[in-house]
Amino acid sequence: MIALLTGGAGVVGKALCRELIARGVCVRVLTLPGDSLAKSLPSEVDVRYGDVTDFDSIRGAFENVDVVYHLAAILLSTKRGAFEHVNTDGTRNVLEASKLAGVRRFLYVSSISVTYPILTPYGESKKKGESLVHASGLDWTIVRPTLVIGDGGGVEFNMFRDYVKRFPVYFMPGGGKCLKRPVRSVDLVKGIAVAGLMPCAVGKTYALAGSTVMTMAEMAKHVLTDAGMHHLMVPLPWWISKRLAVLKNWIGGKRVSAEQALAGFLYDAAPSIEDAERDLDYYPGSPF
């Protein structure tokens, strides 16, 4: 069996390569031309170069592939239309290349943010990607990771961690009451791998979260305890949070809009994982 991973040179992608190889799967990775991260992929990986936004550059990578794991996406951007271009149009190209090459099995890595009551541009782009997958005619599976922790990955969690560690006093939008179910990257990778291989997962969508539900305030305490710090949290009402542009810079910097920076503090992301437990034998450990 040959599995193609788009965006496979990223942190989660590299770990997924190792997981699939350990399961006896031949792995091919599609990554951007000139991507230096490709050098750190396992030696067994067949590396192909192309851009998912350029159909002609990726078409050849899908030949003789049995299953596609579509991870390629951008999470942070302030550039107008960037999420639509890469995450939605890129998914459309990957689906088309899969169908032309005769690939039947397709796993799409979406995001739990598609369940938010009001979508950010990122969440909207991933939701549109899900719709394209549903309509593709392929044997699809969708996974929705929550907040990813560990192994150097998890851009959103890393921003949150750096934020609460940066100052002796830190503001917590909404008082940190928002519920999360963070997942260790090692558990997430196993869930993704199995979801793309199990026949019973076809036509289903799974939330891949951790074992523990906690508030943002509780997560901050874990971060500070692990770092040996004793910073003071100051609850910040939402009407003030939304008007403080500086808070956006403290949380996410120039790579992220204020809307996206604050969305994680506003909406719960603590889904049930019962379906994944039943179908994928998915039993994640504690995130901290």
C-alpha atoms as a PDB file:
ATOM      1  CA  MET A   1       0.000   0.000   0.000  1.00  0.00           C
ATOM      2  CA  ILE A   2       1.201   3.494  -0.875  1.00  0.00           C
ATOM      3  CA  ALA A   3       0.026   6.498   1.145  1.00  0.00           C
ATOM      4  CA  LEU A   4       0.540  10.061  -0.080  1.00  0.00           C
ATOM      5  CA  LEU A   5       0.750  12.784   2.562  1.00  0.00           C
ATOM      6  CA  THR A   6       0.233  16.341   1.392  1.00  0.00           C
ATOM      7  CA  GLY A   7       2.010  18.725   3.740  1.00  0.00           C
ATOM      8  CA  GLY A   8       3.829  15.698   5.081  1.00  0.00           C
ATOM      9  CA  ALA A   9       7.041  17.542   5.967  1.00  0.00           C
ATOM     10  CA  GLY A  10       5.399  19.461   8.824  1.00  0.00           C
ATOM     11  CA  VAL A  11       5.565  18.410  12.461  1.00  0.00           C
ATOM     12  CA  VAL A  12       2.412  16.283  12.407  1.00  0.00           C
ATOM     13  CA  GLY A  13       3.203  15.068   8.896  1.00  0.00           C
ATOM     14  CA  LYS A  14       6.646  13.761   9.861  1.00  0.00           C
ATOM     15  CA  ALA A  15       5.216  11.934  12.853  1.00  0.00           C
ATOM     16  CA  LEU A  16       2.484  10.474  10.632  1.00  0.00           C
ATOM     17  CA  CYS A  17       5.158   9.261   8.206  1.00  0.00           C
ATOM     18  CA  ARG A  18       6.848   7.333  11.015  1.00  0.00           C
ATOM     19  CA  GLU A  19       3.535   5.925  12.255  1.00  0.00           C
ATOM     20  CA  LEU A  20       2.510   4.670   8.803  1.00  0.00           C
ATOM     21  CA  ILE A  21       5.935   3.198   8.072  1.00  0.00           C
ATOM     22  CA  ALA A  22       5.729   1.306  11.363  1.00  0.00           C
ATOM     23  CA  ARG A  23       2.415  -0.109  10.140  1.00  0.00           C
ATOM     24  CA  GLY A  24       4.020  -1.415   6.945  1.00  0.00           C
ATOM     25  CA  VAL A  25       2.750   1.352   4.642  1.00  0.00           C
ATOM     26  CA  CYS A  26       4.941   2.825   1.903  1.00  0.00           C
ATOM     27  CA  VAL A  27       4.892   6.607   2.314  1.00  0.00           C
ATOM     28  CA  ARG A  28       5.148   9.361  -0.263  1.00  0.00           C
ATOM     29  CA  VAL A  29       5.180  13.024   0.764  1.00  0.00           C
ATOM     30  CA  LEU A  30       4.102  16.030  -1.289  1.00  0.00           C
ATOM     31  CA  THR A  31       5.651  19.244  -0.042  1.00  0.00           C
ATOM     32  CA  LEU A  32       6.477  22.692  -1.365  1.00  0.00           C
ATOM     33  CA  PRO A  33       9.481  23.109  -3.664  1.00  0.00           C
ATOM     34  CA  GLY A  34      12.566  24.056  -1.679  1.00  0.00           C
ATOM     35  CA  ASP A  35      11.059  22.972   1.651  1.00  0.00           C
ATOM     36  CA  SER A  36      14.090  22.438   3.900  1.00  0.00           C
ATOM     37  CA  LEU A  37      12.010  20.381   6.341  1.00  0.00           C
ATOM     38  CA  ALA A  38      11.908  17.549   3.798  1.00  0.00           C
ATOM     39  CA  LYS A  39      15.527  16.746   4.697  1.00  0.00           C
ATOM     40  CA  SER A  40      14.432  15.549   8.135  1.00  0.00           C
ATOM     41  CA  LEU A  41      11.898  13.037   6.828  1.00  0.00           C
ATOM     42  CA  PRO A  42      12.617   9.313   7.360  1.00  0.00           C
ATOM     43  CA  SER A  43      14.903   7.904   4.666  1.00  0.00           C
ATOM     44  CA  GLU A  44      12.181   5.511   3.500  1.00  0.00           C
ATOM     45  CA  VAL A  45       9.922   8.366   2.393  1.00  0.00           C
ATOM     46  CA  ASP A  46       9.521   9.142  -1.318  1.00  0.00           C
ATOM     47  CA  VAL A  47       9.542  12.948  -1.497  1.00  0.00           C
ATOM     48  CA  ARG A  48       7.736  14.786  -4.289  1.00  0.00           C
ATOM     49  CA  TYR A  49       7.595  18.559  -4.707  1.00  0.00           C
ATOM     50  CA  GLY A  50       4.602  20.655  -5.693  1.00  0.00           C
ATOM     51  CA  ASP A  51       2.143  23.301  -4.539  1.00  0.00           C
ATOM     52  CA  VAL A  52      -1.466  22.281  -3.872  1.00  0.00           C
ATOM     53  CA  THR A  53      -2.607  25.619  -5.304  1.00  0.00           C
ATOM     54  CA  ASP A  54      -0.966  24.678  -8.646  1.00  0.00           C
ATOM     55  CA  PHE A  55      -2.719  21.613 -10.041  1.00  0.00           C
ATOM     56  CA  ASP A  56      -0.147  20.839 -12.745  1.00  0.00           C
ATOM     57  CA  SER A  57       2.674  20.771 -10.198  1.00  0.00           C
ATOM     58  CA  ILE A  58       1.060  18.065  -8.041  1.00  0.00           C
ATOM     59  CA  ARG A  59      -0.696  15.770 -10.495  1.00  0.00           C
ATOM     60  CA  GLY A  60       2.187  13.311 -10.953  1.00  0.00           C
ATOM     61  CA  ALA A  61       2.592  12.688  -7.222  1.00  0.00           C
ATOM     62  CA  PHE A  62      -0.704  10.772  -7.082  1.00  0.00           C
ATOM     63  CA  GLU A  63       0.225   7.966  -9.480  1.00  0.00           C
ATOM     64  CA  ASN A  64      -0.222   4.455  -8.004  1.00  0.00           C
ATOM     65  CA  VAL A  65      -1.347   5.880  -4.651  1.00  0.00           C
ATOM     66  CA  ASP A  66      -3.864   3.900  -2.566  1.00  0.00           C
ATOM     67  CA  VAL A  67      -4.732   6.447   0.117  1.00  0.00           C
ATOM     68  CA  VAL A  68      -4.250  10.211   0.381  1.00  0.00           C
ATOM     69  CA  TYR A  69      -3.822  11.953   3.721  1.00  0.00           C
ATOM     70  CA  HIS A  70      -4.497  15.613   3.012  1.00  0.00           C
ATOM     71  CA  LEU A  71      -2.777  17.699   5.686  1.00  0.00           C
ATOM     72  CA  ALA A  72      -1.518  20.640   3.607  1.00  0.00           C
ATOM     73  CA  ALA A  73      -3.042  23.904   4.837  1.00  0.00           C
ATOM     74  CA  ILE A  74      -2.205  27.255   6.348  1.00  0.00           C
ATOM     75  CA  LEU A  75      -3.342  28.023   9.880  1.00  0.00           C
ATOM     76  CA  LEU A  76      -2.209  31.620  10.303  1.00  0.00           C
ATOM     77  CA  SER A  77      -2.402  34.497   7.850  1.00  0.00           C
ATOM     78  CA  THR A  78      -3.536  38.109   7.682  1.00  0.00           C
ATOM     79  CA  LYS A  79      -3.413  38.152   3.886  1.00  0.00           C
ATOM     80  CA  ARG A  80      -6.815  38.573   2.301  1.00  0.00           C
ATOM     81  CA  GLY A  81      -8.014  35.414   0.560  1.00  0.00           C
ATOM     82  CA  ALA A  82      -5.072  33.280   1.688  1.00  0.00           C
ATOM     83  CA  PHE A  83      -7.164  30.682   3.533  1.00  0.00           C
ATOM     84  CA  GLU A  84      -9.561  30.296   0.626  1.00  0.00           C
ATOM     85  CA  HIS A  85      -6.709  29.982  -1.864  1.00  0.00           C
ATOM     86  CA  VAL A  86      -4.683  27.363  -0.001  1.00  0.00           C
ATOM     87  CA  ASN A  87      -7.142  25.501   2.198  1.00  0.00           C
ATOM     88  CA  THR A  88     -10.217  25.441  -0.026  1.00  0.00           C
ATOM     89  CA  ASP A  89      -8.860  25.698  -3.585  1.00  0.00           C
ATOM     90  CA  GLY A  90      -5.880  23.531  -2.618  1.00  0.00           C
ATOM     91  CA  THR A  91      -8.227  20.825  -1.354  1.00  0.00           C
ATOM     92  CA  ARG A  92     -10.181  21.010  -4.593  1.00  0.00           C
ATOM     93  CA  ASN A  93      -6.959  20.410  -6.563  1.00  0.00           C
ATOM     94  CA  VAL A  94      -5.900  17.503  -4.357  1.00  0.00           C
ATOM     95  CA  LEU A  95      -9.300  15.849  -4.746  1.00  0.00           C
ATOM     96  CA  GLU A  96      -9.203  16.271  -8.510  1.00  0.00           C
ATOM     97  CA  ALA A  97      -5.683  14.835  -8.733  1.00  0.00           C
ATOM     98  CA  SER A  98      -6.772  11.899  -6.580  1.00  0.00           C
ATOM     99  CA  LYS A  99      -9.723  11.101  -8.830  1.00  0.00           C
ATOM    100  CA  LEU A 100      -7.705  11.384 -12.040  1.00  0.00           C
ATOM    101  CA  ALA A 101      -5.086   8.984 -10.633  1.00  0.00           C
ATOM    102  CA  GLY A 102      -7.708   6.466  -9.559  1.00  0.00           C
ATOM    103  CA  VAL A 103      -7.192   6.924  -5.817  1.00  0.00           C
ATOM    104  CA  ARG A 104     -10.211   5.703  -3.860  1.00  0.00           C
ATOM    105  CA  ARG A 105      -9.378   6.377  -0.207  1.00  0.00           C
ATOM    106  CA  PHE A 106      -9.104   9.962   1.025  1.00  0.00           C
ATOM    107  CA  LEU A 107      -8.535  11.311   4.530  1.00  0.00           C
ATOM    108  CA  TYR A 108      -9.031  15.015   5.130  1.00  0.00           C
ATOM    109  CA  VAL A 109      -7.511  16.693   8.172  1.00  0.00           C
ATOM    110  CA  SER A 110      -9.986  19.439   9.021  1.00  0.00           C
ATOM    111  CA  SER A 111     -10.263  21.361  12.307  1.00  0.00           C
ATOM    112  CA  ILE A 112     -12.564  21.462  15.315  1.00  0.00           C
ATOM    113  CA  SER A 113     -12.977  25.178  14.547  1.00  0.00           C
ATOM    114  CA  VAL A 114     -15.487  24.248  11.818  1.00  0.00           C
ATOM    115  CA  THR A 115     -17.941  23.612  14.668  1.00  0.00           C
ATOM    116  CA  TYR A 116     -17.703  27.159  16.075  1.00  0.00           C
ATOM    117  CA  PRO A 117     -21.028  29.054  15.920  1.00  0.00           C
ATOM    118  CA  ILE A 118     -19.292  31.898  14.069  1.00  0.00           C
ATOM    119  CA  LEU A 119     -16.493  30.848  11.732  1.00  0.00           C
ATOM    120  CA  THR A 120     -13.200  32.640  11.311  1.00  0.00           C
ATOM    121  CA  PRO A 121     -11.837  32.837   7.743  1.00  0.00           C
ATOM    122  CA  TYR A 122      -9.661  29.823   8.605  1.00  0.00           C
ATOM    123  CA  GLY A 123     -12.610  27.818   9.932  1.00  0.00           C
ATOM    124  CA  GLU A 124     -14.711  28.772   6.929  1.00  0.00           C
ATOM    125  CA  SER A 125     -11.998  27.587   4.526  1.00  0.00           C
ATOM    126  CA  LYS A 126     -11.778  24.208   6.287  1.00  0.00           C
ATOM    127  CA  LYS A 127     -15.567  23.872   6.353  1.00  0.00           C
ATOM    128  CA  LYS A 128     -15.690  24.457   2.603  1.00  0.00           C
ATOM    129  CA  GLY A 129     -12.975  21.843   2.242  1.00  0.00           C
ATOM    130  CA  GLU A 130     -15.172  19.371   4.090  1.00  0.00           C
ATOM    131  CA  SER A 131     -18.027  20.084   1.673  1.00  0.00           C
ATOM    132  CA  LEU A 132     -15.744  19.396  -1.280  1.00  0.00           C
ATOM    133  CA  VAL A 133     -14.674  16.095   0.272  1.00  0.00           C
ATOM    134  CA  HIS A 134     -18.300  15.070   0.859  1.00  0.00           C
ATOM    135  CA  ALA A 135     -19.122  15.709  -2.804  1.00  0.00           C
ATOM    136  CA  SER A 136     -15.976  14.078  -4.220  1.00  0.00           C
ATOM    137  CA  GLY A 137     -17.325  10.562  -4.756  1.00  0.00           C
ATOM    138  CA  LEU A 138     -14.227   9.146  -3.032  1.00  0.00           C
ATOM    139  CA  ASP A 139     -14.199   6.866   0.006  1.00  0.00           C
ATOM    140  CA  TRP A 140     -13.560   9.700   2.428  1.00  0.00           C
ATOM    141  CA  THR A 141     -12.926  10.143   6.121  1.00  0.00           C
ATOM    142  CA  ILE A 142     -12.670  13.489   7.916  1.00  0.00           C
ATOM    143  CA  VAL A 143     -10.852  14.098  11.189  1.00  0.00           C
ATOM    144  CA  ARG A 144     -11.166  17.249  13.282  1.00  0.00           C
ATOM    145  CA  PRO A 145      -8.213  17.746  15.659  1.00  0.00           C
ATOM    146  CA  THR A 146      -8.588  19.959  18.689  1.00  0.00           C
ATOM    147  CA  LEU A 147      -5.777  21.997  20.278  1.00  0.00           C
ATOM    148  CA  VAL A 148      -2.541  20.071  19.607  1.00  0.00           C
ATOM    149  CA  ILE A 149       0.146  19.816  22.275  1.00  0.00           C
ATOM    150  CA  GLY A 150       3.647  18.376  22.133  1.00  0.00           C
ATOM    151  CA  ASP A 151       6.563  17.473  19.855  1.00  0.00           C
ATOM    152  CA  GLY A 152       7.126  21.074  18.827  1.00  0.00           C
ATOM    153  CA  GLY A 153       3.839  21.287  16.954  1.00  0.00           C
ATOM    154  CA  GLY A 154       0.520  22.871  17.795  1.00  0.00           C
ATOM    155  CA  VAL A 155       0.916  26.453  16.566  1.00  0.00           C
ATOM    156  CA  GLU A 156      -2.172  27.672  18.432  1.00  0.00           C
ATOM    157  CA  PHE A 157      -1.152  26.096  21.721  1.00  0.00           C
ATOM    158  CA  ASN A 158       2.391  27.396  21.352  1.00  0.00           C
ATOM    159  CA  MET A 159       1.035  30.936  20.955  1.00  0.00           C
ATOM    160  CA  PHE A 160      -1.117  30.500  24.058  1.00  0.00           C
ATOM    161  CA  ARG A 161       1.781  29.026  26.046  1.00  0.00           C
ATOM    162  CA  ASP A 162       4.126  31.842  25.063  1.00  0.00           C
ATOM    163  CA  TYR A 163       1.482  34.424  25.896  1.00  0.00           C
ATOM    164  CA  VAL A 164       0.840  33.304  29.476  1.00  0.00           C
ATOM    165  CA  LYS A 165       4.590  32.957  30.112  1.00  0.00           C
ATOM    166  CA  ARG A 166       5.552  36.344  28.660  1.00  0.00           C
ATOM    167  CA  PHE A 167       4.467  38.717  31.435  1.00  0.00           C
ATOM    168  CA  PRO A 168       4.170  38.419  35.242  1.00  0.00           C
ATOM    169  CA  VAL A 169       0.556  39.524  34.811  1.00  0.00           C
ATOM    170  CA  TYR A 170      -1.516  38.266  31.867  1.00  0.00           C
ATOM    171  CA  PHE A 171      -5.062  39.036  30.738  1.00  0.00           C
ATOM    172  CA  MET A 172      -7.489  36.181  30.107  1.00  0.00           C
ATOM    173  CA  PRO A 173     -10.361  37.026  27.726  1.00  0.00           C
ATOM    174  CA  GLY A 174     -13.690  35.918  29.132  1.00  0.00           C
ATOM    175  CA  GLY A 175     -12.004  34.929  32.380  1.00  0.00           C
ATOM    176  CA  GLY A 176     -10.627  31.764  30.802  1.00  0.00           C
ATOM    177  CA  LYS A 177     -13.942  29.895  31.158  1.00  0.00           C
ATOM    178  CA  CYS A 178     -13.894  28.521  27.609  1.00  0.00           C
ATOM    179  CA  LEU A 179     -13.675  24.699  27.578  1.00  0.00           C
ATOM    180  CA  LYS A 180     -11.009  22.843  25.623  1.00  0.00           C
ATOM    181  CA  ARG A 181      -9.988  19.224  25.134  1.00  0.00           C
ATOM    182  CA  PRO A 182      -6.336  19.456  24.033  1.00  0.00           C
ATOM    183  CA  VAL A 183      -4.713  16.446  22.392  1.00  0.00           C
ATOM    184  CA  ARG A 184      -1.132  15.219  22.473  1.00  0.00           C
ATOM    185  CA  SER A 185       0.399  15.072  19.011  1.00  0.00           C
ATOM    186  CA  VAL A 186       1.396  11.428  19.499  1.00  0.00           C
ATOM    187  CA  ASP A 187      -2.258  10.473  20.111  1.00  0.00           C
ATOM    188  CA  LEU A 188      -3.492  12.636  17.248  1.00  0.00           C
ATOM    189  CA  VAL A 189      -1.081  11.020  14.789  1.00  0.00           C
ATOM    190  CA  LYS A 190      -2.178   7.510  15.715  1.00  0.00           C
ATOM    191  CA  GLY A 191      -5.807   8.523  15.299  1.00  0.00           C
ATOM    192  CA  ILE A 192      -5.174  10.021  11.869  1.00  0.00           C
ATOM    193  CA  ALA A 193      -3.209   6.967  10.702  1.00  0.00           C
ATOM    194  CA  VAL A 194      -5.884   4.483  11.732  1.00  0.00           C
ATOM    195  CA  ALA A 195      -8.750   6.616  10.383  1.00  0.00           C
ATOM    196  CA  GLY A 196      -7.216   6.486   6.902  1.00  0.00           C
ATOM    197  CA  LEU A 197      -6.751   2.718   6.953  1.00  0.00           C
ATOM    198  CA  MET A 198      -9.896   1.321   8.607  1.00  0.00           C
ATOM    199  CA  PRO A 199     -12.749   0.392   6.231  1.00  0.00           C
ATOM    200  CA  CYS A 200     -15.317   1.132   8.950  1.00  0.00           C
ATOM    201  CA  ALA A 201     -14.210   4.794   8.970  1.00  0.00           C
ATOM    202  CA  VAL A 202     -15.337   5.477   5.394  1.00  0.00           C
ATOM    203  CA  GLY A 203     -17.975   8.185   5.174  1.00  0.00           C
ATOM    204  CA  LYS A 204     -17.493   9.287   8.787  1.00  0.00           C
ATOM    205  CA  THR A 205     -16.183  12.343  10.609  1.00  0.00           C
ATOM    206  CA  TYR A 206     -14.238  12.009  13.851  1.00  0.00           C
ATOM    207  CA  ALA A 207     -13.229  14.493  16.512  1.00  0.00           C
ATOM    208  CA  LEU A 208      -9.678  13.700  17.616  1.00  0.00           C
ATOM    209  CA  ALA A 209      -9.273  15.236  21.056  1.00  0.00           C
ATOM    210  CA  GLY A 210      -7.503  14.411  24.298  1.00  0.00           C
ATOM    211  CA  SER A 211      -8.806  12.598  27.344  1.00  0.00           C
ATOM    212  CA  THR A 212      -9.409  15.634  29.544  1.00  0.00           C
ATOM    213  CA  VAL A 213     -11.771  18.597  29.349  1.00  0.00           C
ATOM    214  CA  MET A 214     -10.388  21.751  30.953  1.00  0.00           C
ATOM    215  CA  THR A 215     -10.863  25.493  30.912  1.00  0.00           C
ATOM    216  CA  MET A 216      -8.415  27.911  29.326  1.00  0.00           C
ATOM    217  CA  ALA A 217      -7.579  29.146  32.822  1.00  0.00           C
ATOM    218  CA  GLU A 218      -6.719  25.589  33.898  1.00  0.00           C
ATOM    219  CA  MET A 219      -4.539  25.152  30.834  1.00  0.00           C
ATOM    220  CA  ALA A 220      -2.673  28.330  31.707  1.00  0.00           C
ATOM    221  CA  LYS A 221      -2.010  26.984  35.211  1.00  0.00           C
ATOM    222  CA  HIS A 222      -0.570  23.773  33.736  1.00  0.00           C
ATOM    223  CA  VAL A 223       1.715  25.787  31.446  1.00  0.00           C
ATOM    224  CA  LEU A 224       2.999  27.965  34.266  1.00  0.00           C
ATOM    225  CA  THR A 225       3.450  25.042  36.672  1.00  0.00           C
ATOM    226  CA  ASP A 226       5.486  23.139  34.081  1.00  0.00           C
ATOM    227  CA  ALA A 227       7.654  26.244  33.612  1.00  0.00           C
ATOM    228  CA  GLY A 228       8.017  26.857  37.353  1.00  0.00           C
ATOM    229  CA  MET A 229       6.307  30.240  37.048  1.00  0.00           C
ATOM    230  CA  HIS A 230       3.699  31.960  39.219  1.00  0.00           C
ATOM    231  CA  HIS A 231       2.137  34.601  37.001  1.00  0.00           C
ATOM    232  CA  LEU A 232      -1.092  36.386  37.887  1.00  0.00           C
ATOM    233  CA  MET A 233      -4.167  36.020  35.687  1.00  0.00           C
ATOM    234  CA  VAL A 234      -6.468  39.028  35.296  1.00  0.00           C
ATOM    235  CA  PRO A 235      -9.922  38.170  33.869  1.00  0.00           C
ATOM    236  CA  LEU A 236     -10.843  40.460  30.984  1.00  0.00           C
ATOM    237  CA  PRO A 237     -14.499  40.987  29.953  1.00  0.00           C
ATOM    238  CA  TRP A 238     -15.250  40.221  26.334  1.00  0.00           C
ATOM    239  CA  TRP A 239     -16.314  43.742  25.409  1.00  0.00           C
ATOM    240  CA  ILE A 240     -12.907  44.972  26.494  1.00  0.00           C
ATOM    241  CA  SER A 241     -11.006  42.084  24.870  1.00  0.00           C
ATOM    242  CA  LYS A 242     -12.518  42.792  21.476  1.00  0.00           C
ATOM    243  CA  ARG A 243     -11.421  46.422  21.632  1.00  0.00           C
ATOM    244  CA  LEU A 244      -7.849  45.828  22.697  1.00  0.00           C
ATOM    245  CA  ALA A 245      -5.836  45.513  19.498  1.00  0.00           C
ATOM    246  CA  VAL A 246      -2.698  45.123  21.596  1.00  0.00           C
ATOM    247  CA  LEU A 247      -4.055  41.854  22.976  1.00  0.00           C
ATOM    248  CA  LYS A 248      -3.945  40.436  19.464  1.00  0.00           C
ATOM    249  CA  ASN A 249      -0.253  41.278  19.203  1.00  0.00           C
ATOM    250  CA  TRP A 250       0.503  39.719  22.571  1.00  0.00           C
ATOM    251  CA  ILE A 251      -1.345  36.514  21.690  1.00  0.00           C
ATOM    252  CA  GLY A 252      -0.573  35.977  18.030  1.00  0.00           C
ATOM    253  CA  GLY A 253       1.620  38.711  16.645  1.00  0.00           C
ATOM    254  CA  LYS A 254       1.522  39.823  13.030  1.00  0.00           C
ATOM    255  CA  ARG A 255       0.751  36.360  11.638  1.00  0.00           C
ATOM    256  CA  VAL A 256      -2.816  36.252  12.944  1.00  0.00           C
ATOM    257  CA  SER A 257      -5.862  38.525  12.857  1.00  0.00           C
ATOM    258  CA  ALA A 258      -7.486  39.763  16.054  1.00  0.00           C
ATOM    259  CA  GLU A 259     -10.589  37.747  15.132  1.00  0.00           C
ATOM    260  CA  GLN A 260      -8.667  34.483  14.934  1.00  0.00           C
ATOM    261  CA  ALA A 261      -6.528  35.219  17.998  1.00  0.00           C
ATOM    262  CA  LEU A 262      -9.589  35.706  20.186  1.00  0.00           C
ATOM    263  CA  ALA A 263     -11.783  32.940  18.692  1.00  0.00           C
ATOM    264  CA  GLY A 264      -9.981  30.263  20.675  1.00  0.00           C
ATOM    265  CA  PHE A 265     -10.820  32.064  23.915  1.00  0.00           C
ATOM    266  CA  LEU A 266     -14.477  32.495  22.978  1.00  0.00           C
ATOM    267  CA  TYR A 267     -15.703  29.119  21.682  1.00  0.00           C
ATOM    268  CA  ASP A 268     -15.661  25.736  23.408  1.00  0.00           C
ATOM    269  CA  ALA A 269     -13.764  22.924  21.697  1.00  0.00           C
ATOM    270  CA  ALA A 270     -14.372  19.906  23.906  1.00  0.00           C
ATOM    271  CA  PRO A 271     -16.088  17.356  21.639  1.00  0.00           C
ATOM    272  CA  SER A 272     -17.038  13.781  22.402  1.00  0.00           C
ATOM    273  CA  ILE A 273     -14.548  11.172  21.167  1.00  0.00           C
ATOM    274  CA  GLU A 274     -16.872   8.175  21.584  1.00  0.00           C
ATOM    275  CA  ASP A 275     -17.057   7.480  17.833  1.00  0.00           C
ATOM    276  CA  ALA A 276     -13.258   7.457  17.533  1.00  0.00           C
ATOM    277  CA  GLU A 277     -12.970   5.203  20.574  1.00  0.00           C
ATOM    278  CA  ARG A 278     -15.421   2.727  19.063  1.00  0.00           C
ATOM    279  CA  ASP A 279     -14.178   2.672  15.453  1.00  0.00           C
ATOM    280  CA  LEU A 280     -10.488   3.562  15.734  1.00  0.00           C
ATOM    281  CA  ASP A 281      -9.539   2.126  19.133  1.00  0.00           C
ATOM    282  CA  TYR A 282      -8.639   5.687  20.003  1.00  0.00           C
ATOM    283  CA  TYR A 283      -7.832   6.165  23.680  1.00  0.00           C
ATOM    284  CA  PRO A 284      -5.648   9.268  24.149  1.00  0.00           C
ATOM    285  CA  GLY A 285      -3.625  10.014  27.251  1.00  0.00           C
ATOM    286  CA  SER A 286      -3.614  13.105  29.443  1.00  0.00           C
ATOM    287  CA  PRO A 287      -2.419  16.184  27.513  1.00  0.00           C
ATOM    288  CA  PHE A 288      -0.218  17.419  30.382  1.00  0.00           C
END
